């Protein structure tokens, strides 16, 4: 029995979150990076990870209830993720106005890491047999 592709996508999102936590905990020991790592560990990785998990499940629901091609569902999920992530970033800036705003770099890098997984998932939806044709 094979595991559906969707379960692999969910495992990748969770694995990326755990991987980012591990890297941030390792880099936290460096005094010059402690502010960035604290922002990532306490705010951005859990927040963006939760946003991406929610949009993953929303896209599954959209596939069932909307009669749209995968591209439209992907674009709808992208809009939800962008608005949610920007809202998270705005909340962080309002709550941490001052020198901690340098942690915006952690936000951008975390967002890009999760977005890379989403783009690879989108490409596999467009070409579902592409992995079978490659060695």
Protein backbone atom coordinates (compact mmCIF):
# COMPACT_ATOMS: atom_id res chain seq x y z
CA UNK A 1 0.00 0.00 0.00
CA UNK A 2 1.43 3.38 -0.98
CA UNK A 3 1.10 6.57 0.99
CA UNK A 4 -0.79 9.31 -0.90
CA UNK A 5 1.32 12.21 -2.14
CA UNK A 6 -0.55 14.64 0.11
CA UNK A 7 0.83 12.89 3.20
CA UNK A 8 4.35 13.36 1.84
CA UNK A 9 3.69 17.09 1.40
CA UNK A 10 2.44 17.37 4.97
CA UNK A 11 5.49 15.47 6.25
CA UNK A 12 7.77 17.84 4.31
CA UNK A 13 6.14 20.89 5.91
CA UNK A 14 6.52 19.41 9.39
CA UNK A 15 10.10 18.28 8.70
CA UNK A 16 11.05 21.76 7.47
CA UNK A 17 9.63 23.31 10.65
CA UNK A 18 11.61 20.91 12.84
CA UNK A 19 14.74 21.50 10.76
CA UNK A 20 14.40 25.28 11.11
CA UNK A 21 13.93 24.94 14.87
CA UNK A 22 17.09 22.84 15.06
CA UNK A 23 19.16 25.34 13.10
CA UNK A 24 17.86 28.25 15.17
CA UNK A 25 18.65 26.45 18.43
CA UNK A 26 22.18 25.76 17.21
CA UNK A 27 22.74 29.34 16.03
CA UNK A 28 21.24 30.77 19.23
CA UNK A 29 24.53 30.11 21.02
CA UNK A 30 26.20 32.81 18.91
CA UNK A 31 25.76 36.16 20.73
CA UNK A 32 25.47 38.13 17.50
CA UNK A 33 22.61 35.90 16.27
CA UNK A 34 20.66 35.46 19.49
CA UNK A 35 18.10 38.21 18.68
CA UNK A 36 17.37 36.66 15.28
CA UNK A 37 17.12 33.16 16.64
CA UNK A 38 14.82 34.14 19.51
CA UNK A 39 12.43 35.85 17.06
CA UNK A 40 12.47 32.80 14.83
CA UNK A 41 12.00 30.27 17.62
CA UNK A 42 9.30 32.15 19.53
CA UNK A 43 7.37 33.88 16.77
CA UNK A 44 8.09 33.31 13.09
CA UNK A 45 8.68 29.58 12.68
CA UNK A 46 5.56 28.55 14.63
CA UNK A 47 3.47 31.36 13.11
CA UNK A 48 4.45 30.83 9.48
CA UNK A 49 4.42 27.07 9.93
CA UNK A 50 0.86 27.24 11.23
CA UNK A 51 -0.19 29.49 8.34
CA UNK A 52 1.28 27.05 5.81
CA UNK A 53 -0.37 24.06 7.51
CA UNK A 54 -3.74 25.82 7.50
CA UNK A 55 -3.47 26.74 3.83
CA UNK A 56 -2.41 23.17 3.03
CA UNK A 57 -5.62 21.84 4.55
CA UNK A 58 -7.64 24.66 2.98
CA UNK A 59 -6.27 23.79 -0.45
CA UNK A 60 -7.35 20.17 0.08
CA UNK A 61 -10.82 21.42 0.94
CA UNK A 62 -10.83 23.81 -2.03
CA UNK A 63 -10.02 20.91 -4.37
CA UNK A 64 -13.14 19.14 -3.14
CA UNK A 65 -15.63 22.01 -3.17
CA UNK A 66 -14.38 24.28 -5.98
CA UNK A 67 -14.59 23.34 -9.61
CA UNK A 68 -11.32 25.05 -10.48
CA UNK A 69 -8.03 23.88 -11.98
CA UNK A 70 -5.08 23.30 -9.61
CA UNK A 71 -3.51 26.58 -10.69
CA UNK A 72 -6.44 28.60 -9.34
CA UNK A 73 -6.41 26.69 -6.05
CA UNK A 74 -2.66 27.27 -5.77
CA UNK A 75 -3.07 30.99 -6.41
CA UNK A 76 -5.85 31.23 -3.84
CA UNK A 77 -3.64 29.47 -1.28
CA UNK A 78 -0.76 31.82 -2.12
CA UNK A 79 -2.91 34.87 -1.47
CA UNK A 80 -4.06 33.49 1.88
CA UNK A 81 -0.45 32.70 2.87
CA UNK A 82 0.84 36.11 1.84
CA UNK A 83 -1.88 37.98 3.71
CA UNK A 84 -1.49 35.78 6.80
CA UNK A 85 2.29 36.11 6.80
CA UNK A 86 2.22 39.85 6.32
CA UNK A 87 -0.29 40.14 9.15
CA UNK A 88 2.03 38.08 11.36
CA UNK A 89 4.94 40.34 10.42
CA UNK A 90 2.88 43.46 11.18
CA UNK A 91 1.92 42.09 14.60
CA UNK A 92 5.58 41.38 15.32
CA UNK A 93 6.67 44.89 14.35
CA UNK A 94 3.94 46.52 16.44
CA UNK A 95 4.83 44.41 19.48
CA UNK A 96 8.62 44.68 19.08
CA UNK A 97 9.22 48.16 17.77
CA UNK A 98 12.90 48.92 18.20
CA UNK A 99 16.22 47.21 17.57
CA UNK A 100 14.62 43.76 17.39
CA UNK A 101 13.19 44.67 14.01
CA UNK A 102 16.35 43.23 12.52
CA UNK A 103 14.62 39.89 12.99
CA UNK A 104 12.72 40.68 9.79
CA UNK A 105 15.48 38.72 8.07
CA UNK A 106 14.40 35.61 9.98
CA UNK A 107 10.85 36.17 8.78
CA UNK A 108 11.87 36.47 5.14
CA UNK A 109 14.14 33.42 5.23
CA UNK A 110 11.51 31.31 7.00
CA UNK A 111 8.85 32.36 4.52
CA UNK A 112 11.13 31.54 1.58
CA UNK A 113 11.91 28.09 2.98
CA UNK A 114 8.24 27.18 3.29
CA UNK A 115 7.43 28.77 -0.08
CA UNK A 116 10.04 26.61 -1.80
CA UNK A 117 8.11 23.53 -0.62
CA UNK A 118 4.86 25.02 -1.87
CA UNK A 119 6.27 25.75 -5.31
CA UNK A 120 7.64 22.22 -5.63
CA UNK A 121 4.21 20.90 -4.62
CA UNK A 122 2.57 23.09 -7.23
CA UNK A 123 4.92 21.86 -9.95
CA UNK A 124 4.13 18.26 -9.07
CA UNK A 125 0.40 19.04 -9.40
CA UNK A 126 0.95 20.50 -12.86
CA UNK A 127 3.04 17.52 -13.95
CA UNK A 128 1.84 14.59 -11.85
CA UNK A 129 3.76 11.96 -13.85
CA UNK A 130 7.04 13.87 -14.03
CA UNK A 131 8.60 12.01 -11.10
CA UNK A 132 7.76 8.66 -12.67
CA UNK A 133 9.57 9.65 -15.88
CA UNK A 134 12.78 10.76 -14.19
CA UNK A 135 15.36 8.39 -12.70
